[in-house]
Amino acid sequence: MPEAFDLESFLPYRLNRAAELISLSFSREYKQRFQMTRPEWRALAALGSVGRMTATEIGTHSNMHKTKVSRAVAALEERRWLKRRENEADRRVEHLELTAAGQKAYREIADLARTYQQTLDKALGPGAIERIEAGLADVERALLNRPRKRG
């Protein structure tokens, strides 16, 4: 008989479940205040934190499928939070960036995110987020083969 598999100790399963729980919990915050979907939040957050990007870059940055990115970009544009600029060298590519209203919304949502993180920090207890961040950095470094940060 094959050895039993303990799903609860399988790291990919646990990380995915934890990420989904946190994502759903935070999404209630911005959905209530801004009536945004998760893809819209992720696209806005990517543009707000990085600056001008293409839709492909948003998808890569946020790990979203191109159809979700496309819908999110259209919704942000409809709110007048985003503007498109055609690439002069390649007209198939559009550069996307936040408008002044989009930057204002990003700052408000970033404040909401900071407050959410503080609440999470209190719920998890002293040093928990730092330990989780260190563990995640180790996983990313191992899987992406990045050198360890010093400091």
N, C-alpha and C. Protein backbone atom coordinates (compact mmCIF):
# COMPACT_ATOMS: atom_id res chain seq x y z
N MET A 1 0.85 -1.19 0.00
CA MET A 1 0.00 0.00 0.00
C MET A 1 0.90 1.25 0.00
N PRO A 2 0.57 2.26 -0.87
CA PRO A 2 1.40 3.46 -0.92
C PRO A 2 1.29 4.27 0.37
N GLU A 3 2.37 5.00 0.64
CA GLU A 3 2.40 5.85 1.83
C GLU A 3 1.34 6.95 1.73
N ALA A 4 0.68 7.25 2.83
CA ALA A 4 -0.35 8.30 2.85
C ALA A 4 0.28 9.65 2.55
N PHE A 5 -0.47 10.48 1.88
CA PHE A 5 0.00 11.83 1.53
C PHE A 5 -0.70 12.82 2.44
N ASP A 6 0.07 13.61 3.15
CA ASP A 6 -0.49 14.60 4.08
C ASP A 6 -0.57 15.95 3.36
N LEU A 7 -1.75 16.23 2.82
CA LEU A 7 -1.95 17.47 2.09
C LEU A 7 -1.70 18.69 2.95
N GLU A 8 -2.02 18.60 4.23
CA GLU A 8 -1.85 19.74 5.14
C GLU A 8 -0.39 20.12 5.38
N SER A 9 0.54 19.24 5.04
CA SER A 9 1.95 19.58 5.19
C SER A 9 2.63 19.81 3.82
N PHE A 10 1.83 19.84 2.76
CA PHE A 10 2.35 20.08 1.41
C PHE A 10 2.41 21.59 1.18
N LEU A 11 3.63 22.14 1.12
CA LEU A 11 3.84 23.59 1.08
C LEU A 11 3.06 24.30 -0.03
N PRO A 12 3.07 23.83 -1.27
CA PRO A 12 2.31 24.55 -2.31
C PRO A 12 0.82 24.68 -1.96
N TYR A 13 0.24 23.65 -1.40
CA TYR A 13 -1.17 23.69 -1.00
C TYR A 13 -1.39 24.71 0.11
N ARG A 14 -0.54 24.68 1.12
CA ARG A 14 -0.69 25.59 2.25
C ARG A 14 -0.48 27.05 1.83
N LEU A 15 0.53 27.31 1.02
CA LEU A 15 0.77 28.68 0.55
C LEU A 15 -0.41 29.20 -0.27
N ASN A 16 -0.93 28.36 -1.15
CA ASN A 16 -2.06 28.77 -1.98
C ASN A 16 -3.28 29.06 -1.12
N ARG A 17 -3.55 28.19 -0.16
CA ARG A 17 -4.71 28.39 0.72
C ARG A 17 -4.55 29.67 1.54
N ALA A 18 -3.38 29.88 2.11
CA ALA A 18 -3.14 31.10 2.91
C ALA A 18 -3.27 32.35 2.04
N ALA A 19 -2.69 32.31 0.85
CA ALA A 19 -2.77 33.46 -0.05
C ALA A 19 -4.23 33.76 -0.42
N GLU A 20 -4.99 32.73 -0.69
CA GLU A 20 -6.40 32.92 -1.04
C GLU A 20 -7.19 33.49 0.12
N LEU A 21 -6.94 33.00 1.33
CA LEU A 21 -7.64 33.52 2.51
C LEU A 21 -7.34 35.01 2.72
N ILE A 22 -6.08 35.37 2.61
CA ILE A 22 -5.69 36.77 2.79
C ILE A 22 -6.25 37.63 1.66
N SER A 23 -6.16 37.15 0.43
CA SER A 23 -6.65 37.90 -0.71
C SER A 23 -8.15 38.14 -0.62
N LEU A 24 -8.90 37.12 -0.26
CA LEU A 24 -10.35 37.27 -0.12
C LEU A 24 -10.70 38.23 1.01
N SER A 25 -9.96 38.12 2.11
CA SER A 25 -10.20 39.00 3.25
C SER A 25 -9.95 40.46 2.87
N PHE A 26 -8.83 40.73 2.22
CA PHE A 26 -8.52 42.10 1.82
C PHE A 26 -9.48 42.58 0.73
N SER A 27 -9.89 41.69 -0.17
CA SER A 27 -10.78 42.11 -1.26
C SER A 27 -12.10 42.65 -0.72
N ARG A 28 -12.56 42.13 0.41
CA ARG A 28 -13.79 42.67 1.01
C ARG A 28 -13.62 44.15 1.35
N GLU A 29 -12.41 44.54 1.76
CA GLU A 29 -12.14 45.93 2.11
C GLU A 29 -12.27 46.85 0.90
N TYR A 30 -11.56 46.52 -0.19
CA TYR A 30 -11.59 47.43 -1.34
C TYR A 30 -12.86 47.29 -2.16
N LYS A 31 -13.50 46.12 -2.12
CA LYS A 31 -14.78 45.98 -2.83
C LYS A 31 -15.84 46.87 -2.18
N GLN A 32 -15.85 46.87 -0.87
CA GLN A 32 -16.83 47.67 -0.13
C GLN A 32 -16.62 49.16 -0.41
N ARG A 33 -15.37 49.60 -0.39
CA ARG A 33 -15.10 51.03 -0.53
C ARG A 33 -15.04 51.50 -1.98
N PHE A 34 -14.50 50.67 -2.88
CA PHE A 34 -14.27 51.10 -4.26
C PHE A 34 -15.03 50.29 -5.32
N GLN A 35 -15.75 49.27 -4.92
CA GLN A 35 -16.49 48.41 -5.85
C GLN A 35 -15.58 47.88 -6.96
N MET A 36 -14.41 47.39 -6.56
CA MET A 36 -13.42 46.87 -7.51
C MET A 36 -13.33 45.35 -7.43
N THR A 37 -13.01 44.74 -8.55
CA THR A 37 -12.72 43.31 -8.57
C THR A 37 -11.25 43.08 -8.20
N ARG A 38 -10.90 41.83 -7.91
CA ARG A 38 -9.50 41.54 -7.61
C ARG A 38 -8.58 41.85 -8.79
N PRO A 39 -8.94 41.49 -10.04
CA PRO A 39 -8.05 41.87 -11.16
C PRO A 39 -7.89 43.38 -11.31
N GLU A 40 -8.96 44.14 -11.05
CA GLU A 40 -8.85 45.60 -11.14
C GLU A 40 -7.90 46.12 -10.06
N TRP A 41 -8.01 45.60 -8.85
CA TRP A 41 -7.11 46.01 -7.76
C TRP A 41 -5.67 45.68 -8.13
N ARG A 42 -5.45 44.47 -8.66
CA ARG A 42 -4.09 44.05 -8.97
C ARG A 42 -3.48 44.90 -10.10
N ALA A 43 -4.30 45.23 -11.11
CA ALA A 43 -3.81 46.08 -12.20
C ALA A 43 -3.50 47.49 -11.68
N LEU A 44 -4.41 48.04 -10.88
CA LEU A 44 -4.19 49.37 -10.31
C LEU A 44 -2.95 49.38 -9.43
N ALA A 45 -2.79 48.34 -8.61
CA ALA A 45 -1.63 48.25 -7.72
C ALA A 45 -0.33 48.15 -8.52
N ALA A 46 -0.34 47.37 -9.58
CA ALA A 46 0.85 47.23 -10.42
C ALA A 46 1.23 48.58 -11.04
N LEU A 47 0.26 49.25 -11.64
CA LEU A 47 0.52 50.55 -12.26
C LEU A 47 0.92 51.59 -11.23
N GLY A 48 0.29 51.56 -10.07
CA GLY A 48 0.61 52.53 -9.03
C GLY A 48 1.99 52.34 -8.45
N SER A 49 2.42 51.10 -8.35
CA SER A 49 3.73 50.84 -7.74
C SER A 49 4.87 50.88 -8.75
N VAL A 50 4.60 50.51 -9.99
CA VAL A 50 5.66 50.44 -11.01
C VAL A 50 5.67 51.68 -11.91
N GLY A 51 4.50 52.17 -12.25
CA GLY A 51 4.41 53.27 -13.20
C GLY A 51 3.93 52.75 -14.54
N ARG A 52 4.34 53.39 -15.60
CA ARG A 52 3.87 53.00 -16.94
C ARG A 52 4.24 51.56 -17.26
N MET A 53 3.24 50.82 -17.78
CA MET A 53 3.44 49.41 -18.13
C MET A 53 2.58 49.09 -19.35
N THR A 54 2.90 47.97 -19.99
CA THR A 54 2.01 47.42 -21.01
C THR A 54 1.08 46.42 -20.32
N ALA A 55 0.02 46.02 -21.01
CA ALA A 55 -0.89 45.02 -20.44
C ALA A 55 -0.14 43.71 -20.19
N THR A 56 0.75 43.35 -21.07
CA THR A 56 1.54 42.12 -20.90
C THR A 56 2.39 42.21 -19.63
N GLU A 57 2.98 43.38 -19.40
CA GLU A 57 3.79 43.56 -18.19
C GLU A 57 2.93 43.49 -16.93
N ILE A 58 1.72 44.03 -16.98
CA ILE A 58 0.81 43.93 -15.83
C ILE A 58 0.50 42.46 -15.56
N GLY A 59 0.22 41.70 -16.60
CA GLY A 59 -0.08 40.28 -16.45
C GLY A 59 1.08 39.52 -15.83
N THR A 60 2.28 39.80 -16.29
CA THR A 60 3.47 39.15 -15.75
C THR A 60 3.69 39.56 -14.29
N HIS A 61 3.60 40.85 -14.02
CA HIS A 61 3.82 41.38 -12.67
C HIS A 61 2.81 40.83 -11.68
N SER A 62 1.55 40.71 -12.12
CA SER A 62 0.46 40.32 -11.23
C SER A 62 0.05 38.86 -11.36
N ASN A 63 0.72 38.14 -12.25
CA ASN A 63 0.41 36.74 -12.50
C ASN A 63 -1.07 36.56 -12.87
N MET A 64 -1.51 37.38 -13.83
CA MET A 64 -2.90 37.32 -14.31
C MET A 64 -2.93 36.95 -15.78
N HIS A 65 -3.96 36.22 -16.17
CA HIS A 65 -4.18 35.87 -17.56
C HIS A 65 -4.53 37.13 -18.36
N LYS A 66 -4.17 37.15 -19.63
CA LYS A 66 -4.35 38.35 -20.43
C LYS A 66 -5.81 38.78 -20.54
N THR A 67 -6.77 37.85 -20.51
CA THR A 67 -8.17 38.27 -20.58
C THR A 67 -8.60 39.00 -19.31
N LYS A 68 -8.10 38.56 -18.16
CA LYS A 68 -8.41 39.27 -16.90
C LYS A 68 -7.77 40.65 -16.90
N VAL A 69 -6.54 40.73 -17.40
CA VAL A 69 -5.86 42.03 -17.49
C VAL A 69 -6.65 42.95 -18.41
N SER A 70 -7.07 42.44 -19.54
CA SER A 70 -7.81 43.25 -20.52
C SER A 70 -9.09 43.81 -19.91
N ARG A 71 -9.85 42.96 -19.21
CA ARG A 71 -11.09 43.43 -18.57
C ARG A 71 -10.80 44.45 -17.47
N ALA A 72 -9.76 44.19 -16.69
CA ALA A 72 -9.40 45.11 -15.61
C ALA A 72 -8.97 46.46 -16.17
N VAL A 73 -8.16 46.45 -17.22
CA VAL A 73 -7.71 47.69 -17.85
C VAL A 73 -8.91 48.46 -18.40
N ALA A 74 -9.84 47.77 -19.04
CA ALA A 74 -11.03 48.43 -19.58
C ALA A 74 -11.86 49.06 -18.45
N ALA A 75 -12.00 48.36 -17.33
CA ALA A 75 -12.77 48.89 -16.20
C ALA A 75 -12.08 50.11 -15.59
N LEU A 76 -10.75 50.07 -15.47
CA LEU A 76 -10.02 51.21 -14.92
C LEU A 76 -10.10 52.40 -15.88
N GLU A 77 -10.07 52.11 -17.17
CA GLU A 77 -10.17 53.18 -18.16
C GLU A 77 -11.57 53.80 -18.11
N GLU A 78 -12.58 52.99 -17.93
CA GLU A 78 -13.96 53.49 -17.84
C GLU A 78 -14.13 54.42 -16.64
N ARG A 79 -13.43 54.14 -15.56
CA ARG A 79 -13.46 55.00 -14.37
C ARG A 79 -12.60 56.26 -14.55
N ARG A 80 -11.89 56.31 -15.66
CA ARG A 80 -10.94 57.38 -15.96
C ARG A 80 -9.75 57.38 -14.99
N TRP A 81 -9.36 56.19 -14.58
CA TRP A 81 -8.21 56.02 -13.70
C TRP A 81 -6.96 55.64 -14.48
N LEU A 82 -7.13 55.38 -15.77
CA LEU A 82 -6.02 54.88 -16.59
C LEU A 82 -6.10 55.52 -17.96
N LYS A 83 -4.93 55.75 -18.55
CA LYS A 83 -4.88 56.25 -19.93
C LYS A 83 -3.94 55.35 -20.73
N ARG A 84 -4.25 55.26 -22.01
CA ARG A 84 -3.45 54.44 -22.94
C ARG A 84 -2.65 55.38 -23.84
N ARG A 85 -1.42 54.95 -24.13
CA ARG A 85 -0.58 55.68 -25.08
C ARG A 85 -0.01 54.67 -26.06
N GLU A 86 -0.20 54.94 -27.32
CA GLU A 86 0.32 54.04 -28.35
C GLU A 86 1.84 54.13 -28.40
N ASN A 87 2.49 52.99 -28.60
CA ASN A 87 3.93 52.94 -28.76
C ASN A 87 4.26 53.39 -30.18
N GLU A 88 5.07 54.42 -30.29
CA GLU A 88 5.41 54.96 -31.62
C GLU A 88 6.14 53.94 -32.48
N ALA A 89 6.99 53.12 -31.87
CA ALA A 89 7.79 52.15 -32.62
C ALA A 89 6.98 50.91 -33.02
N ASP A 90 5.98 50.56 -32.22
CA ASP A 90 5.18 49.36 -32.48
C ASP A 90 3.74 49.65 -32.09
N ARG A 91 2.92 49.91 -33.05
CA ARG A 91 1.54 50.33 -32.80
C ARG A 91 0.67 49.22 -32.20
N ARG A 92 1.18 48.01 -32.16
CA ARG A 92 0.44 46.92 -31.52
C ARG A 92 0.53 47.00 -30.00
N VAL A 93 1.48 47.78 -29.50
CA VAL A 93 1.73 47.88 -28.06
C VAL A 93 1.20 49.20 -27.54
N GLU A 94 0.50 49.12 -26.42
CA GLU A 94 0.02 50.33 -25.76
C GLU A 94 0.66 50.43 -24.38
N HIS A 95 1.09 51.64 -24.04
CA HIS A 95 1.60 51.90 -22.70
C HIS A 95 0.43 52.39 -21.86
N LEU A 96 0.32 51.86 -20.67
CA LEU A 96 -0.77 52.21 -19.77
C LEU A 96 -0.19 52.93 -18.56
N GLU A 97 -0.88 53.98 -18.14
CA GLU A 97 -0.46 54.67 -16.92
C GLU A 97 -1.67 55.27 -16.24
N LEU A 98 -1.53 55.51 -14.95
CA LEU A 98 -2.63 56.06 -14.18
C LEU A 98 -2.80 57.54 -14.47
N THR A 99 -4.05 57.97 -14.52
CA THR A 99 -4.37 59.39 -14.60
C THR A 99 -4.21 59.98 -13.20
N ALA A 100 -4.41 61.28 -13.06
CA ALA A 100 -4.36 61.91 -11.73
C ALA A 100 -5.41 61.27 -10.82
N ALA A 101 -6.60 61.01 -11.35
CA ALA A 101 -7.65 60.37 -10.56
C ALA A 101 -7.25 58.94 -10.18
N GLY A 102 -6.59 58.24 -11.09
CA GLY A 102 -6.10 56.89 -10.82
C GLY A 102 -5.02 56.88 -9.76
N GLN A 103 -4.14 57.86 -9.80
CA GLN A 103 -3.09 57.98 -8.78
C GLN A 103 -3.70 58.27 -7.41
N LYS A 104 -4.73 59.08 -7.38
CA LYS A 104 -5.43 59.38 -6.12
C LYS A 104 -6.08 58.11 -5.58
N ALA A 105 -6.75 57.36 -6.46
CA ALA A 105 -7.38 56.10 -6.04
C ALA A 105 -6.32 55.12 -5.54
N TYR A 106 -5.19 55.06 -6.24
CA TYR A 106 -4.10 54.17 -5.81
C TYR A 106 -3.61 54.54 -4.42
N ARG A 107 -3.41 55.83 -4.16
CA ARG A 107 -2.95 56.27 -2.83
C ARG A 107 -3.96 55.88 -1.75
N GLU A 108 -5.25 56.05 -2.04
CA GLU A 108 -6.29 55.70 -1.07
C GLU A 108 -6.31 54.19 -0.82
N ILE A 109 -6.16 53.41 -1.88
CA ILE A 109 -6.17 51.96 -1.72
C ILE A 109 -4.88 51.49 -1.05
N ALA A 110 -3.77 52.17 -1.33
CA ALA A 110 -2.51 51.83 -0.65
C ALA A 110 -2.64 52.08 0.85
N ASP A 111 -3.32 53.17 1.23
CA ASP A 111 -3.58 53.43 2.65
C ASP A 111 -4.44 52.32 3.26
N LEU A 112 -5.45 51.90 2.51
CA LEU A 112 -6.30 50.80 2.96
C LEU A 112 -5.48 49.52 3.13
N ALA A 113 -4.55 49.27 2.21
CA ALA A 113 -3.69 48.09 2.28
C ALA A 113 -2.76 48.15 3.50
N ARG A 114 -2.21 49.32 3.76
CA ARG A 114 -1.35 49.48 4.94
C ARG A 114 -2.13 49.21 6.23
N THR A 115 -3.34 49.73 6.31
CA THR A 115 -4.19 49.50 7.48
C THR A 115 -4.52 48.01 7.61
N TYR A 116 -4.82 47.37 6.48
CA TYR A 116 -5.11 45.93 6.49
C TYR A 116 -3.89 45.16 7.00
N GLN A 117 -2.71 45.52 6.52
CA GLN A 117 -1.49 44.82 6.93
C GLN A 117 -1.24 45.01 8.43
N GLN A 118 -1.50 46.21 8.95
CA GLN A 118 -1.34 46.45 10.39
C GLN A 118 -2.30 45.57 11.20
N THR A 119 -3.53 45.43 10.72
CA THR A 119 -4.52 44.58 11.38
C THR A 119 -4.05 43.12 11.35
N LEU A 120 -3.55 42.71 10.22
CA LEU A 120 -3.03 41.35 10.07
C LEU A 120 -1.83 41.13 10.98
N ASP A 121 -0.96 42.11 11.06
CA ASP A 121 0.22 42.04 11.92
C ASP A 121 -0.19 41.84 13.38
N LYS A 122 -1.18 42.61 13.83
CA LYS A 122 -1.67 42.46 15.21
C LYS A 122 -2.28 41.09 15.44
N ALA A 123 -3.04 40.59 14.47
CA ALA A 123 -3.69 39.28 14.60
C ALA A 123 -2.67 38.15 14.65
N LEU A 124 -1.58 38.27 13.91
CA LEU A 124 -0.57 37.21 13.84
C LEU A 124 0.42 37.26 15.00
N GLY A 125 0.60 38.42 15.57
CA GLY A 125 1.52 38.55 16.69
C GLY A 125 2.88 39.08 16.29
N PRO A 126 3.68 39.49 17.29
CA PRO A 126 4.98 40.13 17.04
C PRO A 126 5.91 39.28 16.18
N GLY A 127 6.46 39.91 15.15
CA GLY A 127 7.48 39.26 14.31
C GLY A 127 6.96 38.26 13.29
N ALA A 128 5.67 37.96 13.30
CA ALA A 128 5.14 36.93 12.40
C ALA A 128 5.28 37.31 10.93
N ILE A 129 4.92 38.54 10.61
CA ILE A 129 5.00 38.96 9.20
C ILE A 129 6.45 38.94 8.72
N GLU A 130 7.37 39.38 9.57
CA GLU A 130 8.78 39.37 9.19
C GLU A 130 9.27 37.94 8.94
N ARG A 131 8.84 36.99 9.77
CA ARG A 131 9.23 35.59 9.57
C ARG A 131 8.63 35.03 8.28
N ILE A 132 7.37 35.36 8.02
CA ILE A 132 6.72 34.90 6.79
C ILE A 132 7.43 35.49 5.58
N GLU A 133 7.73 36.80 5.63
CA GLU A 133 8.44 37.45 4.52
C GLU A 133 9.81 36.82 4.27
N ALA A 134 10.52 36.49 5.34
CA ALA A 134 11.83 35.84 5.19
C ALA A 134 11.68 34.46 4.56
N GLY A 135 10.68 33.72 4.99
CA GLY A 135 10.43 32.40 4.42
C GLY A 135 10.04 32.48 2.95
N LEU A 136 9.20 33.43 2.61
CA LEU A 136 8.81 33.61 1.21
C LEU A 136 10.00 34.02 0.36
N ALA A 137 10.85 34.88 0.89
CA ALA A 137 12.07 35.28 0.16
C ALA A 137 12.95 34.06 -0.10
N ASP A 138 13.04 33.17 0.88
CA ASP A 138 13.83 31.95 0.70
C ASP A 138 13.24 31.08 -0.41
N VAL A 139 11.92 30.93 -0.42
CA VAL A 139 11.25 30.12 -1.46
C VAL A 139 11.50 30.74 -2.83
N GLU A 140 11.27 32.06 -2.93
CA GLU A 140 11.46 32.72 -4.22
C GLU A 140 12.90 32.64 -4.69
N ARG A 141 13.82 32.84 -3.78
CA ARG A 141 15.24 32.77 -4.13
C ARG A 141 15.60 31.37 -4.62
N ALA A 142 15.14 30.35 -3.93
CA ALA A 142 15.45 28.97 -4.31
C ALA A 142 14.86 28.62 -5.68
N LEU A 143 13.63 29.06 -5.91
CA LEU A 143 12.96 28.68 -7.15
C LEU A 143 13.34 29.58 -8.33
N LEU A 144 13.73 30.80 -8.04
CA LEU A 144 14.14 31.71 -9.10
C LEU A 144 15.66 31.80 -9.22
N ASN A 145 16.35 31.11 -8.31
CA ASN A 145 17.81 31.05 -8.32
C ASN A 145 18.44 32.43 -8.18
N ARG A 146 17.90 33.22 -7.24
CA ARG A 146 18.44 34.56 -6.99
C ARG A 146 19.42 34.51 -5.83
N PRO A 147 20.43 35.38 -5.85
CA PRO A 147 21.36 35.44 -4.72
C PRO A 147 20.68 36.03 -3.48
N ARG A 148 21.16 35.67 -2.33
CA ARG A 148 20.62 36.15 -1.03
C ARG A 148 20.96 37.62 -0.85
N LYS A 149 19.97 38.41 -0.38
CA LYS A 149 20.21 39.82 -0.09
C LYS A 149 21.00 39.93 1.20
N ARG A 150 21.89 40.89 1.23
CA ARG A 150 22.68 41.14 2.44
C ARG A 150 22.10 42.36 3.13
N GLY A 151 22.12 42.33 4.45
CA GLY A 151 21.67 43.52 5.13
C GLY A 151 20.89 43.19 6.29
